N, C-alpha and C. Protein backbone atom coordinates (compact mmCIF):
# COMPACT_ATOMS: atom_id res chain seq x y z
N MET A 1 144.52 195.22 -101.78
CA MET A 1 145.12 195.83 -100.60
C MET A 1 146.09 196.87 -101.04
N ASN A 2 146.30 197.76 -100.19
CA ASN A 2 147.32 198.89 -100.43
C ASN A 2 148.67 198.35 -100.27
N SER A 3 149.63 198.75 -101.15
CA SER A 3 150.94 198.16 -101.18
C SER A 3 151.68 198.57 -99.86
N ASN A 4 151.28 199.71 -99.23
CA ASN A 4 151.85 200.04 -97.96
C ASN A 4 151.47 199.06 -96.85
N LYS A 5 150.26 198.55 -96.90
CA LYS A 5 149.75 197.67 -95.92
C LYS A 5 150.49 196.28 -96.13
N ILE A 6 150.69 195.91 -97.34
CA ILE A 6 151.45 194.58 -97.62
C ILE A 6 152.86 194.70 -97.10
N ARG A 7 153.44 195.85 -97.35
CA ARG A 7 154.90 196.09 -96.97
C ARG A 7 154.91 196.03 -95.43
N MET A 8 154.02 196.70 -94.77
CA MET A 8 153.92 196.61 -93.30
C MET A 8 153.76 195.21 -92.72
N LEU A 9 152.85 194.44 -93.43
CA LEU A 9 152.73 193.01 -92.97
C LEU A 9 154.12 192.22 -93.09
N TRP A 10 154.74 192.45 -94.19
CA TRP A 10 156.10 191.76 -94.34
C TRP A 10 157.05 192.13 -93.36
N ILE A 11 157.05 193.47 -93.01
CA ILE A 11 157.96 193.93 -91.93
C ILE A 11 157.53 193.36 -90.54
N VAL A 12 156.36 193.26 -90.29
CA VAL A 12 155.87 192.73 -89.03
C VAL A 12 156.21 191.19 -89.01
N PHE A 13 155.88 190.41 -90.02
CA PHE A 13 156.20 189.01 -90.04
C PHE A 13 157.74 188.69 -89.99
N ILE A 14 158.58 189.50 -90.61
CA ILE A 14 160.03 189.30 -90.59
C ILE A 14 160.49 189.64 -89.29
N SER A 15 159.91 190.70 -88.64
CA SER A 15 160.36 191.24 -87.26
C SER A 15 160.12 190.07 -86.31
N ILE A 16 158.87 189.45 -86.37
CA ILE A 16 158.56 188.36 -85.44
C ILE A 16 159.51 187.23 -85.68
N LEU A 17 159.76 186.79 -86.77
CA LEU A 17 160.69 185.76 -87.19
C LEU A 17 162.06 185.96 -86.51
N ILE A 18 162.56 187.23 -86.68
CA ILE A 18 163.92 187.57 -86.18
C ILE A 18 163.84 187.54 -84.65
N ILE A 19 162.79 187.94 -84.02
CA ILE A 19 162.68 187.93 -82.61
C ILE A 19 162.64 186.54 -82.07
N LEU A 20 161.94 185.59 -82.73
CA LEU A 20 161.81 184.24 -82.30
C LEU A 20 163.30 183.54 -82.60
N LEU A 21 164.00 183.97 -83.59
CA LEU A 21 165.24 183.27 -83.81
C LEU A 21 166.23 183.79 -82.84
N ILE A 22 166.25 185.05 -82.36
CA ILE A 22 167.09 185.57 -81.42
C ILE A 22 166.77 185.01 -80.00
N SER A 23 165.50 184.76 -79.78
CA SER A 23 165.04 184.22 -78.50
C SER A 23 165.59 182.88 -78.34
N ASP A 24 165.97 182.16 -79.46
CA ASP A 24 166.44 180.83 -79.32
C ASP A 24 167.88 180.83 -78.61
N LEU A 25 168.66 181.95 -78.59
CA LEU A 25 169.86 182.06 -77.93
C LEU A 25 169.70 182.02 -76.40
N PHE A 26 168.61 182.48 -75.90
CA PHE A 26 168.39 182.70 -74.49
C PHE A 26 167.60 181.61 -73.83
N ILE A 27 166.99 180.77 -74.66
CA ILE A 27 166.03 179.71 -74.01
C ILE A 27 166.85 178.42 -73.95
N HIS A 28 166.80 177.75 -72.83
CA HIS A 28 167.48 176.48 -72.72
C HIS A 28 166.48 175.39 -72.87
N ARG A 29 166.73 174.62 -73.96
CA ARG A 29 165.73 173.56 -74.24
C ARG A 29 166.31 172.22 -73.81
N HIS A 30 165.60 171.33 -73.29
CA HIS A 30 165.93 170.00 -72.75
C HIS A 30 165.84 169.13 -74.05
N SER A 31 166.88 168.92 -74.63
CA SER A 31 166.85 168.04 -75.93
C SER A 31 167.05 166.54 -75.55
N TYR A 32 166.28 165.79 -76.24
CA TYR A 32 166.44 164.29 -76.02
C TYR A 32 167.50 163.77 -76.98
N PHE A 33 167.66 164.38 -78.05
CA PHE A 33 168.64 163.87 -79.06
C PHE A 33 169.67 165.04 -79.38
N GLU A 34 170.78 164.74 -79.90
CA GLU A 34 171.74 165.72 -80.15
C GLU A 34 171.25 166.73 -81.19
N ILE A 35 170.62 166.32 -82.12
CA ILE A 35 170.09 167.36 -83.14
C ILE A 35 169.10 168.29 -82.60
N ASP A 36 168.41 167.98 -81.47
CA ASP A 36 167.39 168.86 -80.93
C ASP A 36 168.12 170.20 -80.32
N GLY A 37 169.33 170.04 -79.98
CA GLY A 37 170.07 171.02 -79.28
C GLY A 37 170.73 172.16 -80.17
N LEU A 38 170.68 171.97 -81.44
CA LEU A 38 171.24 172.77 -82.40
C LEU A 38 170.49 174.16 -82.34
N PHE A 39 171.22 175.18 -82.79
CA PHE A 39 170.62 176.48 -82.85
C PHE A 39 169.59 176.55 -83.83
N ALA A 40 168.38 177.03 -83.59
CA ALA A 40 167.24 177.31 -84.53
C ALA A 40 166.71 176.00 -85.07
N PHE A 41 166.93 174.86 -84.39
CA PHE A 41 166.44 173.52 -84.87
C PHE A 41 164.85 173.48 -85.14
N PRO A 42 164.09 174.03 -84.12
CA PRO A 42 162.61 174.08 -84.40
C PRO A 42 162.19 174.76 -85.60
N SER A 43 162.89 175.93 -85.82
CA SER A 43 162.52 176.89 -86.97
C SER A 43 162.86 176.14 -88.28
N ILE A 44 164.06 175.48 -88.29
CA ILE A 44 164.47 174.88 -89.53
C ILE A 44 163.65 173.69 -89.87
N PHE A 45 163.36 172.85 -88.78
CA PHE A 45 162.52 171.65 -88.85
C PHE A 45 161.14 172.02 -89.33
N GLY A 46 160.59 173.05 -88.76
CA GLY A 46 159.19 173.55 -89.24
C GLY A 46 159.12 173.92 -90.69
N PHE A 47 160.20 174.71 -91.08
CA PHE A 47 160.37 175.14 -92.50
C PHE A 47 160.44 174.03 -93.44
N LEU A 48 161.38 173.14 -93.15
CA LEU A 48 161.48 171.90 -94.02
C LEU A 48 160.37 171.04 -94.07
N SER A 49 159.63 170.85 -92.89
CA SER A 49 158.50 170.09 -92.87
C SER A 49 157.35 170.68 -93.79
N CYS A 50 157.25 172.01 -93.72
CA CYS A 50 156.25 172.74 -94.60
C CYS A 50 156.63 172.53 -96.06
N ILE A 51 157.83 172.62 -96.40
CA ILE A 51 158.25 172.49 -97.86
C ILE A 51 157.92 171.01 -98.24
N LEU A 52 158.21 169.96 -97.37
CA LEU A 52 157.98 168.64 -97.68
C LEU A 52 156.44 168.36 -97.89
N LEU A 53 155.60 169.03 -97.05
CA LEU A 53 154.16 168.88 -97.20
C LEU A 53 153.61 169.39 -98.46
N VAL A 54 154.25 170.54 -98.96
CA VAL A 54 153.81 171.15 -100.12
C VAL A 54 154.27 170.26 -101.29
N VAL A 55 155.44 169.71 -101.25
CA VAL A 55 155.94 168.81 -102.44
C VAL A 55 155.00 167.52 -102.43
N ILE A 56 154.82 166.88 -101.33
CA ILE A 56 154.01 165.69 -101.28
C ILE A 56 152.50 166.00 -101.81
N SER A 57 151.98 167.15 -101.43
CA SER A 57 150.65 167.43 -101.87
C SER A 57 150.64 167.70 -103.34
N LYS A 58 151.69 168.26 -103.99
CA LYS A 58 151.77 168.48 -105.42
C LYS A 58 151.82 167.06 -106.10
N ILE A 59 152.62 166.11 -105.55
CA ILE A 59 152.70 164.80 -106.20
C ILE A 59 151.39 164.18 -106.08
N ILE A 60 150.79 164.16 -104.89
CA ILE A 60 149.52 163.46 -104.75
C ILE A 60 148.39 164.11 -105.66
N GLY A 61 148.52 165.47 -105.86
CA GLY A 61 147.61 166.06 -106.77
C GLY A 61 147.69 165.63 -108.21
N ILE A 62 148.85 165.30 -108.59
CA ILE A 62 149.05 164.70 -109.88
C ILE A 62 148.16 163.42 -110.20
N PHE A 63 148.13 162.65 -109.20
CA PHE A 63 147.30 161.38 -109.27
C PHE A 63 145.95 161.59 -109.01
N LEU A 64 145.46 162.51 -108.23
CA LEU A 64 144.11 162.71 -107.92
C LEU A 64 143.37 163.72 -108.73
N LYS A 65 144.05 164.37 -109.61
CA LYS A 65 143.51 165.39 -110.47
C LYS A 65 142.52 164.82 -111.47
N ARG A 66 141.39 165.50 -111.75
CA ARG A 66 140.35 165.03 -112.61
C ARG A 66 140.27 166.17 -113.71
N SER A 67 139.80 165.80 -114.82
CA SER A 67 139.51 166.82 -115.86
C SER A 67 138.33 167.68 -115.48
N GLU A 68 138.26 168.84 -116.24
CA GLU A 68 137.22 169.77 -115.91
C GLU A 68 135.75 169.35 -116.01
N ASP A 69 135.58 168.42 -117.06
CA ASP A 69 134.33 167.89 -117.34
C ASP A 69 134.05 166.46 -116.71
N TYR A 70 134.61 166.33 -115.60
CA TYR A 70 134.54 165.01 -114.88
C TYR A 70 133.09 164.85 -114.48
N TYR A 71 132.31 165.78 -113.94
CA TYR A 71 130.89 165.48 -113.55
C TYR A 71 130.02 165.57 -114.69
N ASP A 72 130.41 166.00 -115.84
CA ASP A 72 129.44 166.03 -117.03
C ASP A 72 129.36 164.73 -117.65
N ASN A 73 130.35 163.87 -117.47
CA ASN A 73 130.25 162.57 -118.11
C ASN A 73 129.33 161.60 -117.42
């Protein structure tokens, strides 16, 4: 890909993230718990959940990994 296209994609993605973050100021959410009402909670929760899934998959991959000649044996 052209570096200009990649740069444009980054700009679009970051712009969308900023718009969503700013929109959290104007949207009234009905929170069931106190932590739900914090600013940008859904964004932070989603980001931390994604990181947790990656870390867990790396740990599981250590135990499930097979050698390259697994099927040759």
